[in-house]
Amino acid sequence: MATTGAQLPEPWLRGTLTEVPAVIRAVLHALELAREDAERWCGELTGLELNTRPMGLPPVAFHLRHISGSVDRLLTYAEARELNEEQLAELKREAEPAGALPRTLLLQFGESMDRAAERIRAFARADLEAARFVGRKQLPTSVGGLLVHVADHTQRHTGQMVTTAKLVRASSEPTSSR
């Protein structure tokens, strides 16, 4: 998202996606906001900065990868499927330093948000109360519960990612400009 010109209101205040049920719309808006915030606050970071851990915090790259992976896993449960080996392996890799170039990492993040939006749009209002189960322990929830958690979890990590990006930027500024 460009920082020039007038900044748009957050996605949920733009009057968009009115063709989808409110809960699904809110989840889609949360993913859209995460994507815009990633571009706005992390788009100029270098590879080193994406992997920096200010004050021991998880790096920006972790949050980008974790948001993508957790959304994929939560949607898999919402679709009444079990996680596959590739998803489990990706879960283990999320905390590793990102080797991808910054633009590549942001592009992959955006593409994962696009795929997630397609999957979310496939749910109908009638699906929201359908029972679902999460993880090896088969903890009970519903499609609606999983979708709301997709939005909540995404925004929680987006906030942490933005805060970390701001800390990284502030620590790399010359001391005369502080």
N, C-alpha and C. Protein backbone atom coordinates (compact mmCIF):
# COMPACT_ATOMS: atom_id res chain seq x y z
N MET A 1 0.85 -1.18 0.00
CA MET A 1 0.00 0.00 0.00
C MET A 1 0.89 1.23 0.00
N ALA A 2 0.66 2.08 -0.92
CA ALA A 2 1.46 3.30 -1.01
C ALA A 2 1.10 4.24 0.13
N THR A 3 2.10 4.92 0.63
CA THR A 3 1.86 5.86 1.71
C THR A 3 1.65 7.28 1.20
N THR A 4 1.63 7.44 -0.12
CA THR A 4 1.40 8.77 -0.68
C THR A 4 -0.09 9.00 -0.86
N GLY A 5 -0.47 10.26 -0.87
CA GLY A 5 -1.87 10.60 -1.08
C GLY A 5 -2.72 10.26 0.13
N ALA A 6 -4.02 10.42 -0.06
CA ALA A 6 -4.96 10.14 1.03
C ALA A 6 -5.01 8.63 1.29
N GLN A 7 -4.95 8.28 2.55
CA GLN A 7 -5.00 6.88 2.91
C GLN A 7 -6.46 6.43 3.00
N LEU A 8 -6.74 5.27 2.46
CA LEU A 8 -8.09 4.72 2.50
C LEU A 8 -8.46 4.33 3.93
N PRO A 9 -9.76 4.32 4.25
CA PRO A 9 -10.15 3.77 5.54
C PRO A 9 -9.87 2.26 5.54
N GLU A 10 -9.90 1.65 6.70
CA GLU A 10 -9.67 0.21 6.79
C GLU A 10 -10.71 -0.52 5.93
N PRO A 11 -10.37 -1.72 5.44
CA PRO A 11 -11.27 -2.43 4.53
C PRO A 11 -12.71 -2.57 5.02
N TRP A 12 -12.91 -2.79 6.30
CA TRP A 12 -14.27 -3.00 6.79
C TRP A 12 -15.12 -1.73 6.73
N LEU A 13 -14.48 -0.58 6.51
CA LEU A 13 -15.19 0.69 6.42
C LEU A 13 -15.34 1.19 4.97
N ARG A 14 -15.03 0.35 4.01
CA ARG A 14 -15.07 0.76 2.60
C ARG A 14 -16.37 0.38 1.90
N GLY A 15 -17.25 -0.35 2.58
CA GLY A 15 -18.51 -0.76 1.95
C GLY A 15 -18.34 -1.81 0.87
N THR A 16 -17.29 -2.60 0.98
CA THR A 16 -17.01 -3.63 -0.03
C THR A 16 -17.49 -5.00 0.44
N LEU A 17 -17.52 -5.93 -0.47
CA LEU A 17 -17.85 -7.34 -0.21
C LEU A 17 -19.27 -7.52 0.34
N THR A 18 -20.16 -6.64 -0.03
CA THR A 18 -21.53 -6.70 0.49
C THR A 18 -22.29 -7.93 -0.02
N GLU A 19 -21.75 -8.61 -1.01
CA GLU A 19 -22.42 -9.80 -1.56
C GLU A 19 -22.22 -11.05 -0.70
N VAL A 20 -21.34 -10.99 0.30
CA VAL A 20 -21.08 -12.16 1.14
C VAL A 20 -21.66 -11.94 2.53
N PRO A 21 -22.00 -13.02 3.23
CA PRO A 21 -22.55 -12.88 4.59
C PRO A 21 -21.59 -12.11 5.50
N ALA A 22 -22.15 -11.44 6.51
CA ALA A 22 -21.39 -10.53 7.36
C ALA A 22 -20.18 -11.18 8.02
N VAL A 23 -20.33 -12.37 8.56
CA VAL A 23 -19.19 -13.02 9.22
C VAL A 23 -18.08 -13.30 8.22
N ILE A 24 -18.45 -13.82 7.08
CA ILE A 24 -17.45 -14.11 6.05
C ILE A 24 -16.81 -12.81 5.56
N ARG A 25 -17.61 -11.78 5.40
CA ARG A 25 -17.10 -10.46 4.99
C ARG A 25 -16.07 -9.94 5.98
N ALA A 26 -16.36 -10.06 7.27
CA ALA A 26 -15.42 -9.58 8.30
C ALA A 26 -14.10 -10.33 8.22
N VAL A 27 -14.15 -11.62 7.98
CA VAL A 27 -12.92 -12.41 7.88
C VAL A 27 -12.13 -11.97 6.65
N LEU A 28 -12.80 -11.80 5.53
CA LEU A 28 -12.13 -11.34 4.31
C LEU A 28 -11.51 -9.95 4.51
N HIS A 29 -12.22 -9.08 5.20
CA HIS A 29 -11.67 -7.75 5.47
C HIS A 29 -10.43 -7.83 6.37
N ALA A 30 -10.44 -8.74 7.34
CA ALA A 30 -9.27 -8.91 8.21
C ALA A 30 -8.05 -9.35 7.41
N LEU A 31 -8.24 -10.26 6.46
CA LEU A 31 -7.13 -10.71 5.62
C LEU A 31 -6.65 -9.59 4.70
N GLU A 32 -7.59 -8.81 4.19
CA GLU A 32 -7.23 -7.68 3.33
C GLU A 32 -6.40 -6.65 4.11
N LEU A 33 -6.83 -6.37 5.34
CA LEU A 33 -6.08 -5.42 6.17
C LEU A 33 -4.69 -5.95 6.49
N ALA A 34 -4.59 -7.24 6.78
CA ALA A 34 -3.27 -7.83 7.07
C ALA A 34 -2.34 -7.67 5.87
N ARG A 35 -2.87 -7.90 4.69
CA ARG A 35 -2.07 -7.77 3.47
C ARG A 35 -1.61 -6.33 3.29
N GLU A 36 -2.52 -5.38 3.46
CA GLU A 36 -2.16 -3.96 3.31
C GLU A 36 -1.15 -3.54 4.37
N ASP A 37 -1.33 -3.98 5.61
CA ASP A 37 -0.38 -3.62 6.66
C ASP A 37 0.99 -4.23 6.40
N ALA A 38 1.04 -5.45 5.90
CA ALA A 38 2.32 -6.07 5.59
C ALA A 38 3.06 -5.26 4.53
N GLU A 39 2.35 -4.87 3.50
CA GLU A 39 2.98 -4.07 2.44
C GLU A 39 3.40 -2.70 2.97
N ARG A 40 2.53 -2.07 3.71
CA ARG A 40 2.81 -0.71 4.20
C ARG A 40 3.98 -0.68 5.17
N TRP A 41 4.00 -1.58 6.14
CA TRP A 41 4.99 -1.51 7.21
C TRP A 41 6.22 -2.38 6.98
N CYS A 42 6.11 -3.37 6.11
CA CYS A 42 7.23 -4.30 5.93
C CYS A 42 7.81 -4.26 4.52
N GLY A 43 7.15 -3.56 3.62
CA GLY A 43 7.56 -3.54 2.22
C GLY A 43 8.93 -2.99 1.95
N GLU A 44 9.42 -2.13 2.83
CA GLU A 44 10.73 -1.52 2.62
C GLU A 44 11.83 -2.18 3.44
N LEU A 45 11.50 -3.19 4.23
CA LEU A 45 12.51 -3.85 5.06
C LEU A 45 13.45 -4.68 4.21
N THR A 46 14.70 -4.75 4.62
CA THR A 46 15.68 -5.60 3.95
C THR A 46 15.53 -7.03 4.46
N GLY A 47 16.23 -7.95 3.81
CA GLY A 47 16.21 -9.34 4.28
C GLY A 47 16.71 -9.47 5.70
N LEU A 48 17.76 -8.73 6.02
CA LEU A 48 18.29 -8.75 7.38
C LEU A 48 17.26 -8.21 8.36
N GLU A 49 16.61 -7.12 8.01
CA GLU A 49 15.61 -6.53 8.90
C GLU A 49 14.40 -7.44 9.09
N LEU A 50 14.01 -8.17 8.03
CA LEU A 50 12.88 -9.11 8.16
C LEU A 50 13.17 -10.21 9.16
N ASN A 51 14.44 -10.54 9.35
CA ASN A 51 14.82 -11.62 10.26
C ASN A 51 15.37 -11.13 11.59
N THR A 52 15.39 -9.79 11.80
CA THR A 52 15.89 -9.22 13.04
C THR A 52 14.91 -9.48 14.17
N ARG A 53 15.46 -9.73 15.37
CA ARG A 53 14.64 -10.02 16.55
C ARG A 53 14.86 -8.93 17.61
N PRO A 54 14.25 -7.76 17.43
CA PRO A 54 14.48 -6.70 18.42
C PRO A 54 13.94 -7.11 19.78
N MET A 55 14.76 -6.93 20.79
CA MET A 55 14.39 -7.28 22.17
C MET A 55 13.92 -8.73 22.29
N GLY A 56 14.43 -9.60 21.42
CA GLY A 56 14.09 -11.01 21.47
C GLY A 56 12.73 -11.36 20.89
N LEU A 57 12.04 -10.40 20.29
CA LEU A 57 10.72 -10.65 19.70
C LEU A 57 10.86 -11.54 18.46
N PRO A 58 9.81 -12.27 18.12
CA PRO A 58 9.86 -13.02 16.86
C PRO A 58 10.01 -12.03 15.69
N PRO A 59 10.77 -12.40 14.67
CA PRO A 59 11.00 -11.48 13.55
C PRO A 59 9.77 -11.32 12.67
N VAL A 60 9.76 -10.26 11.89
CA VAL A 60 8.69 -9.98 10.95
C VAL A 60 8.48 -11.19 10.03
N ALA A 61 9.57 -11.78 9.54
CA ALA A 61 9.45 -12.93 8.64
C ALA A 61 8.65 -14.06 9.28
N PHE A 62 8.85 -14.30 10.57
CA PHE A 62 8.08 -15.34 11.25
C PHE A 62 6.59 -15.03 11.15
N HIS A 63 6.21 -13.80 11.46
CA HIS A 63 4.78 -13.45 11.44
C HIS A 63 4.19 -13.60 10.05
N LEU A 64 4.90 -13.18 9.02
CA LEU A 64 4.41 -13.35 7.65
C LEU A 64 4.17 -14.82 7.33
N ARG A 65 5.14 -15.65 7.69
CA ARG A 65 5.01 -17.08 7.41
C ARG A 65 3.97 -17.74 8.30
N HIS A 66 3.90 -17.32 9.56
CA HIS A 66 2.95 -17.93 10.50
C HIS A 66 1.51 -17.57 10.15
N ILE A 67 1.27 -16.32 9.77
CA ILE A 67 -0.09 -15.94 9.38
C ILE A 67 -0.53 -16.81 8.19
N SER A 68 0.32 -16.90 7.18
CA SER A 68 -0.03 -17.72 6.02
C SER A 68 -0.31 -19.17 6.41
N GLY A 69 0.58 -19.74 7.20
CA GLY A 69 0.44 -21.14 7.59
C GLY A 69 -0.75 -21.39 8.50
N SER A 70 -0.96 -20.51 9.48
CA SER A 70 -2.07 -20.73 10.41
C SER A 70 -3.41 -20.57 9.71
N VAL A 71 -3.52 -19.61 8.81
CA VAL A 71 -4.77 -19.45 8.05
C VAL A 71 -5.04 -20.71 7.24
N ASP A 72 -4.02 -21.23 6.58
CA ASP A 72 -4.17 -22.46 5.80
C ASP A 72 -4.62 -23.62 6.69
N ARG A 73 -4.00 -23.76 7.85
CA ARG A 73 -4.36 -24.87 8.74
C ARG A 73 -5.78 -24.72 9.29
N LEU A 74 -6.13 -23.51 9.70
CA LEU A 74 -7.49 -23.29 10.24
C LEU A 74 -8.55 -23.53 9.17
N LEU A 75 -8.28 -23.12 7.95
CA LEU A 75 -9.24 -23.35 6.87
C LEU A 75 -9.34 -24.83 6.52
N THR A 76 -8.25 -25.55 6.67
CA THR A 76 -8.29 -27.00 6.44
C THR A 76 -9.26 -27.64 7.43
N TYR A 77 -9.18 -27.23 8.70
CA TYR A 77 -10.12 -27.75 9.69
C TYR A 77 -11.55 -27.32 9.37
N ALA A 78 -11.73 -26.07 8.93
CA ALA A 78 -13.07 -25.58 8.59
C ALA A 78 -13.66 -26.39 7.43
N GLU A 79 -12.80 -26.87 6.56
CA GLU A 79 -13.23 -27.69 5.42
C GLU A 79 -13.39 -29.16 5.81
N ALA A 80 -13.31 -29.45 7.12
CA ALA A 80 -13.49 -30.81 7.67
C ALA A 80 -12.43 -31.77 7.16
N ARG A 81 -11.21 -31.26 7.02
CA ARG A 81 -10.09 -32.10 6.61
C ARG A 81 -9.03 -32.09 7.69
N GLU A 82 -8.16 -33.08 7.66
CA GLU A 82 -7.02 -33.16 8.56
C GLU A 82 -5.81 -32.50 7.90
N LEU A 83 -4.87 -32.06 8.70
CA LEU A 83 -3.64 -31.49 8.15
C LEU A 83 -2.84 -32.57 7.46
N ASN A 84 -2.19 -32.21 6.35
CA ASN A 84 -1.34 -33.17 5.65
C ASN A 84 0.12 -33.00 6.09
N GLU A 85 0.97 -33.87 5.62
CA GLU A 85 2.38 -33.85 6.01
C GLU A 85 3.07 -32.54 5.62
N GLU A 86 2.73 -32.01 4.45
CA GLU A 86 3.33 -30.75 4.01
C GLU A 86 2.97 -29.60 4.96
N GLN A 87 1.72 -29.54 5.40
CA GLN A 87 1.30 -28.50 6.33
C GLN A 87 2.03 -28.64 7.67
N LEU A 88 2.20 -29.87 8.13
CA LEU A 88 2.89 -30.09 9.40
C LEU A 88 4.37 -29.73 9.29
N ALA A 89 4.98 -30.03 8.14
CA ALA A 89 6.38 -29.67 7.92
C ALA A 89 6.54 -28.15 7.85
N GLU A 90 5.59 -27.49 7.19
CA GLU A 90 5.64 -26.01 7.09
C GLU A 90 5.51 -25.39 8.47
N LEU A 91 4.68 -25.95 9.32
CA LEU A 91 4.53 -25.46 10.69
C LEU A 91 5.88 -25.45 11.41
N LYS A 92 6.66 -26.50 11.22
CA LYS A 92 7.97 -26.58 11.87
C LYS A 92 8.96 -25.58 11.28
N ARG A 93 8.79 -25.23 10.00
CA ARG A 93 9.72 -24.30 9.33
C ARG A 93 9.41 -22.84 9.60
N GLU A 94 8.23 -22.52 10.11
CA GLU A 94 7.83 -21.12 10.28
C GLU A 94 8.80 -20.32 11.12
N ALA A 95 9.38 -20.94 12.13
CA ALA A 95 10.26 -20.21 13.05
C ALA A 95 11.71 -20.10 12.54
N GLU A 96 12.02 -20.79 11.46
CA GLU A 96 13.37 -20.72 10.89
C GLU A 96 13.55 -19.37 10.19
N PRO A 97 14.79 -18.87 10.13
CA PRO A 97 15.01 -17.62 9.39
C PRO A 97 14.55 -17.77 7.94
N ALA A 98 13.92 -16.72 7.44
CA ALA A 98 13.43 -16.76 6.06
C ALA A 98 14.60 -16.53 5.12
N GLY A 99 14.75 -17.41 4.17
CA GLY A 99 15.82 -17.27 3.19
C GLY A 99 15.37 -16.50 1.96
N ALA A 100 14.07 -16.31 1.81
CA ALA A 100 13.53 -15.63 0.64
C ALA A 100 13.85 -14.14 0.68
N LEU A 101 13.95 -13.55 -0.51
CA LEU A 101 14.13 -12.11 -0.61
C LEU A 101 12.87 -11.42 -0.08
N PRO A 102 13.00 -10.21 0.45
CA PRO A 102 11.84 -9.51 1.01
C PRO A 102 10.65 -9.43 0.07
N ARG A 103 10.87 -9.05 -1.19
CA ARG A 103 9.74 -8.94 -2.14
C ARG A 103 9.10 -10.30 -2.36
N THR A 104 9.92 -11.34 -2.42
CA THR A 104 9.40 -12.68 -2.62
C THR A 104 8.55 -13.11 -1.43
N LEU A 105 9.04 -12.82 -0.23
CA LEU A 105 8.30 -13.18 0.98
C LEU A 105 6.96 -12.45 1.03
N LEU A 106 6.94 -11.17 0.69
CA LEU A 106 5.68 -10.41 0.68
C LEU A 106 4.75 -10.88 -0.43
N LEU A 107 5.32 -11.25 -1.57
CA LEU A 107 4.51 -11.78 -2.66
C LEU A 107 3.87 -13.10 -2.24
N GLN A 108 4.64 -13.97 -1.62
CA GLN A 108 4.11 -15.25 -1.13
C GLN A 108 3.01 -15.02 -0.10
N PHE A 109 3.21 -14.04 0.78
CA PHE A 109 2.19 -13.71 1.77
C PHE A 109 0.90 -13.26 1.08
N GLY A 110 1.01 -12.36 0.13
CA GLY A 110 -0.16 -11.88 -0.60
C GLY A 110 -0.88 -13.00 -1.33
N GLU A 111 -0.11 -13.88 -1.95
CA GLU A 111 -0.72 -15.01 -2.66
C GLU A 111 -1.44 -15.94 -1.68
N SER A 112 -0.88 -16.13 -0.50
CA SER A 112 -1.54 -16.98 0.49
C SER A 112 -2.85 -16.35 0.96
N MET A 113 -2.88 -15.02 1.06
CA MET A 113 -4.11 -14.34 1.45
C MET A 113 -5.16 -14.46 0.33
N ASP A 114 -4.72 -14.42 -0.94
CA ASP A 114 -5.64 -14.61 -2.06
C ASP A 114 -6.24 -16.01 -2.05
N ARG A 115 -5.40 -17.02 -1.84
CA ARG A 115 -5.90 -18.41 -1.78
C ARG A 115 -6.87 -18.59 -0.62
N ALA A 116 -6.53 -17.99 0.52
CA ALA A 116 -7.41 -18.08 1.68
C ALA A 116 -8.75 -17.43 1.40
N ALA A 117 -8.74 -16.28 0.75
CA ALA A 117 -10.00 -15.58 0.44
C ALA A 117 -10.89 -16.44 -0.45
N GLU A 118 -10.31 -17.11 -1.42
CA GLU A 118 -11.09 -18.01 -2.28
C GLU A 118 -11.73 -19.12 -1.46
N ARG A 119 -10.96 -19.70 -0.56
CA ARG A 119 -11.49 -20.79 0.27
C ARG A 119 -12.59 -20.28 1.20
N ILE A 120 -12.41 -19.11 1.76
CA ILE A 120 -13.41 -18.53 2.67
C ILE A 120 -14.70 -18.23 1.93
N ARG A 121 -14.59 -17.71 0.72
CA ARG A 121 -15.79 -17.40 -0.08
C ARG A 121 -16.61 -18.65 -0.40
N ALA A 122 -15.98 -19.82 -0.34
CA ALA A 122 -16.69 -21.06 -0.65
C ALA A 122 -17.69 -21.46 0.44
N PHE A 123 -17.56 -20.87 1.62
CA PHE A 123 -18.49 -21.19 2.70
C PHE A 123 -19.77 -20.37 2.53
N ALA A 124 -20.88 -21.00 2.83
CA ALA A 124 -22.18 -20.32 2.79
C ALA A 124 -22.61 -19.99 4.21
N ARG A 125 -23.55 -19.07 4.33
CA ARG A 125 -24.08 -18.71 5.64
C ARG A 125 -24.54 -19.96 6.40
N ALA A 126 -25.14 -20.90 5.71
CA ALA A 126 -25.64 -22.12 6.34
C ALA A 126 -24.52 -22.99 6.91
N ASP A 127 -23.30 -22.83 6.40
CA ASP A 127 -22.17 -23.64 6.88
C ASP A 127 -21.65 -23.19 8.24
N LEU A 128 -21.94 -21.97 8.65
CA LEU A 128 -21.29 -21.38 9.82
C LEU A 128 -21.52 -22.17 11.11
N GLU A 129 -22.66 -22.81 11.25
CA GLU A 129 -22.96 -23.57 12.47
C GLU A 129 -22.50 -25.02 12.41
N ALA A 130 -21.99 -25.45 11.28
CA ALA A 130 -21.57 -26.85 11.13
C ALA A 130 -20.44 -27.18 12.09
N ALA A 131 -20.54 -28.32 12.73
CA ALA A 131 -19.54 -28.76 13.71
C ALA A 131 -18.22 -29.09 13.01
N ARG A 132 -17.13 -28.72 13.66
CA ARG A 132 -15.78 -29.05 13.18
C ARG A 132 -14.93 -29.40 14.39
N PHE A 133 -13.79 -30.04 14.11
CA PHE A 133 -12.90 -30.48 15.17
C PHE A 133 -11.47 -30.11 14.81
N VAL A 134 -10.71 -29.70 15.82
CA VAL A 134 -9.37 -29.14 15.60
C VAL A 134 -8.30 -30.01 16.25
N GLY A 135 -7.28 -30.31 15.47
CA GLY A 135 -6.08 -30.94 15.99
C GLY A 135 -6.21 -32.42 16.34
N ARG A 136 -5.12 -32.92 16.88
CA ARG A 136 -5.08 -34.34 17.27
C ARG A 136 -6.09 -34.68 18.35
N LYS A 137 -6.36 -33.69 19.21
CA LYS A 137 -7.32 -33.92 20.29
C LYS A 137 -8.77 -33.75 19.83
N GLN A 138 -8.95 -33.35 18.58
CA GLN A 138 -10.29 -33.17 18.01
C GLN A 138 -11.16 -32.26 18.88
N LEU A 139 -10.62 -31.09 19.23
CA LEU A 139 -11.34 -30.12 20.05
C LEU A 139 -12.52 -29.56 19.25
N PRO A 140 -13.69 -29.47 19.89
CA PRO A 140 -14.90 -29.08 19.15
C PRO A 140 -15.00 -27.58 18.89
N THR A 141 -15.47 -27.23 17.72
CA THR A 141 -15.77 -25.85 17.34
C THR A 141 -16.79 -25.90 16.21
N SER A 142 -16.88 -24.83 15.45
CA SER A 142 -17.77 -24.78 14.29
C SER A 142 -17.04 -24.09 13.15
N VAL A 143 -17.62 -24.15 11.96
CA VAL A 143 -17.03 -23.42 10.83
C VAL A 143 -16.94 -21.94 11.19
N GLY A 144 -18.02 -21.39 11.73
CA GLY A 144 -18.02 -19.97 12.12
C GLY A 144 -16.94 -19.66 13.14
N GLY A 145 -16.77 -20.55 14.13
CA GLY A 145 -15.74 -20.36 15.14
C GLY A 145 -14.35 -20.35 14.52
N LEU A 146 -14.12 -21.25 13.58
CA LEU A 146 -12.82 -21.29 12.91
C LEU A 146 -12.60 -20.04 12.06
N LEU A 147 -13.63 -19.59 11.35
CA LEU A 147 -13.46 -18.40 10.52
C LEU A 147 -13.21 -17.15 11.37
N VAL A 148 -13.92 -17.03 12.47
CA VAL A 148 -13.68 -15.89 13.36
C VAL A 148 -12.25 -15.96 13.91
N HIS A 149 -11.80 -17.17 14.23
CA HIS A 149 -10.42 -17.30 14.73
C HIS A 149 -9.41 -16.98 13.64
N VAL A 150 -9.71 -17.28 12.39
CA VAL A 150 -8.82 -16.88 11.28
C VAL A 150 -8.61 -15.37 11.33
N ALA A 151 -9.70 -14.62 11.47
CA ALA A 151 -9.60 -13.16 11.51
C ALA A 151 -8.85 -12.70 12.76
N ASP A 152 -9.22 -13.24 13.91
CA ASP A 152 -8.61 -12.85 15.18
C ASP A 152 -7.12 -13.16 15.20
N HIS A 153 -6.76 -14.37 14.85
CA HIS A 153 -5.37 -14.80 14.88
C HIS A 153 -4.53 -14.00 13.88
N THR A 154 -5.10 -13.77 12.71
CA THR A 154 -4.40 -12.99 11.68
C THR A 154 -4.12 -11.58 12.18
N GLN A 155 -5.12 -10.94 12.77
CA GLN A 155 -4.94 -9.57 13.23
C GLN A 155 -4.00 -9.50 14.43
N ARG A 156 -4.03 -10.50 15.28
CA ARG A 156 -3.11 -10.51 16.43
C ARG A 156 -1.66 -10.53 15.94
N HIS A 157 -1.38 -11.42 14.99
CA HIS A 157 -0.01 -11.51 14.48
C HIS A 157 0.34 -10.33 13.59
N THR A 158 -0.64 -9.77 12.90
CA THR A 158 -0.37 -8.57 12.10
C THR A 158 0.06 -7.43 13.00
N GLY A 159 -0.61 -7.26 14.12
CA GLY A 159 -0.23 -6.22 15.08
C GLY A 159 1.18 -6.42 15.60
N GLN A 160 1.52 -7.66 15.90
CA GLN A 160 2.87 -7.95 16.38
C GLN A 160 3.90 -7.70 15.28
N MET A 161 3.55 -8.07 14.05
CA MET A 161 4.44 -7.86 12.91
C MET A 161 4.69 -6.37 12.68
N VAL A 162 3.64 -5.57 12.72
CA VAL A 162 3.78 -4.13 12.51
C VAL A 162 4.62 -3.51 13.61
N THR A 163 4.37 -3.89 14.85
CA THR A 163 5.15 -3.36 15.97
C THR A 163 6.62 -3.73 15.82
N THR A 164 6.89 -4.97 15.46
CA THR A 164 8.28 -5.40 15.27
C THR A 164 8.92 -4.64 14.12
N ALA A 165 8.19 -4.46 13.02
CA ALA A 165 8.73 -3.70 11.88
C ALA A 165 9.06 -2.28 12.29
N LYS A 166 8.21 -1.67 13.09
CA LYS A 166 8.48 -0.29 13.56
C LYS A 166 9.72 -0.25 14.44
N LEU A 167 9.89 -1.23 15.30
CA LEU A 167 11.08 -1.30 16.15
C LEU A 167 12.34 -1.48 15.30
N VAL A 168 12.26 -2.34 14.31
CA VAL A 168 13.41 -2.58 13.43
C VAL A 168 13.76 -1.31 12.67
N ARG A 169 12.75 -0.63 12.14
CA ARG A 169 12.99 0.62 11.41
C ARG A 169 13.61 1.67 12.33
N ALA A 170 13.07 1.80 13.55
CA ALA A 170 13.56 2.81 14.48
C ALA A 170 15.02 2.53 14.87
N SER A 171 15.37 1.28 15.01
CA SER A 171 16.75 0.96 15.43
C SER A 171 17.74 1.13 14.28
N SER A 172 17.25 1.16 13.04
CA SER A 172 18.17 1.33 11.92
C SER A 172 18.28 2.79 11.47
N GLU A 173 17.44 3.69 12.06
CA GLU A 173 17.53 5.11 11.71
C GLU A 173 18.77 5.72 12.37
N PRO A 174 19.37 6.68 11.69
CA PRO A 174 20.50 7.39 12.31
C PRO A 174 20.03 8.08 13.59
N THR A 175 20.88 8.13 14.59
CA THR A 175 20.51 8.70 15.88
C THR A 175 20.14 10.17 15.78
N SER A 176 20.63 10.89 14.78
CA SER A 176 20.30 12.31 14.64
C SER A 176 18.85 12.54 14.24
N SER A 177 18.20 11.54 13.66
CA SER A 177 16.81 11.73 13.22
C SER A 177 15.80 11.26 14.26
N ARG A 178 16.25 10.79 15.38
CA ARG A 178 15.33 10.30 16.42
C ARG A 178 14.83 11.40 17.29
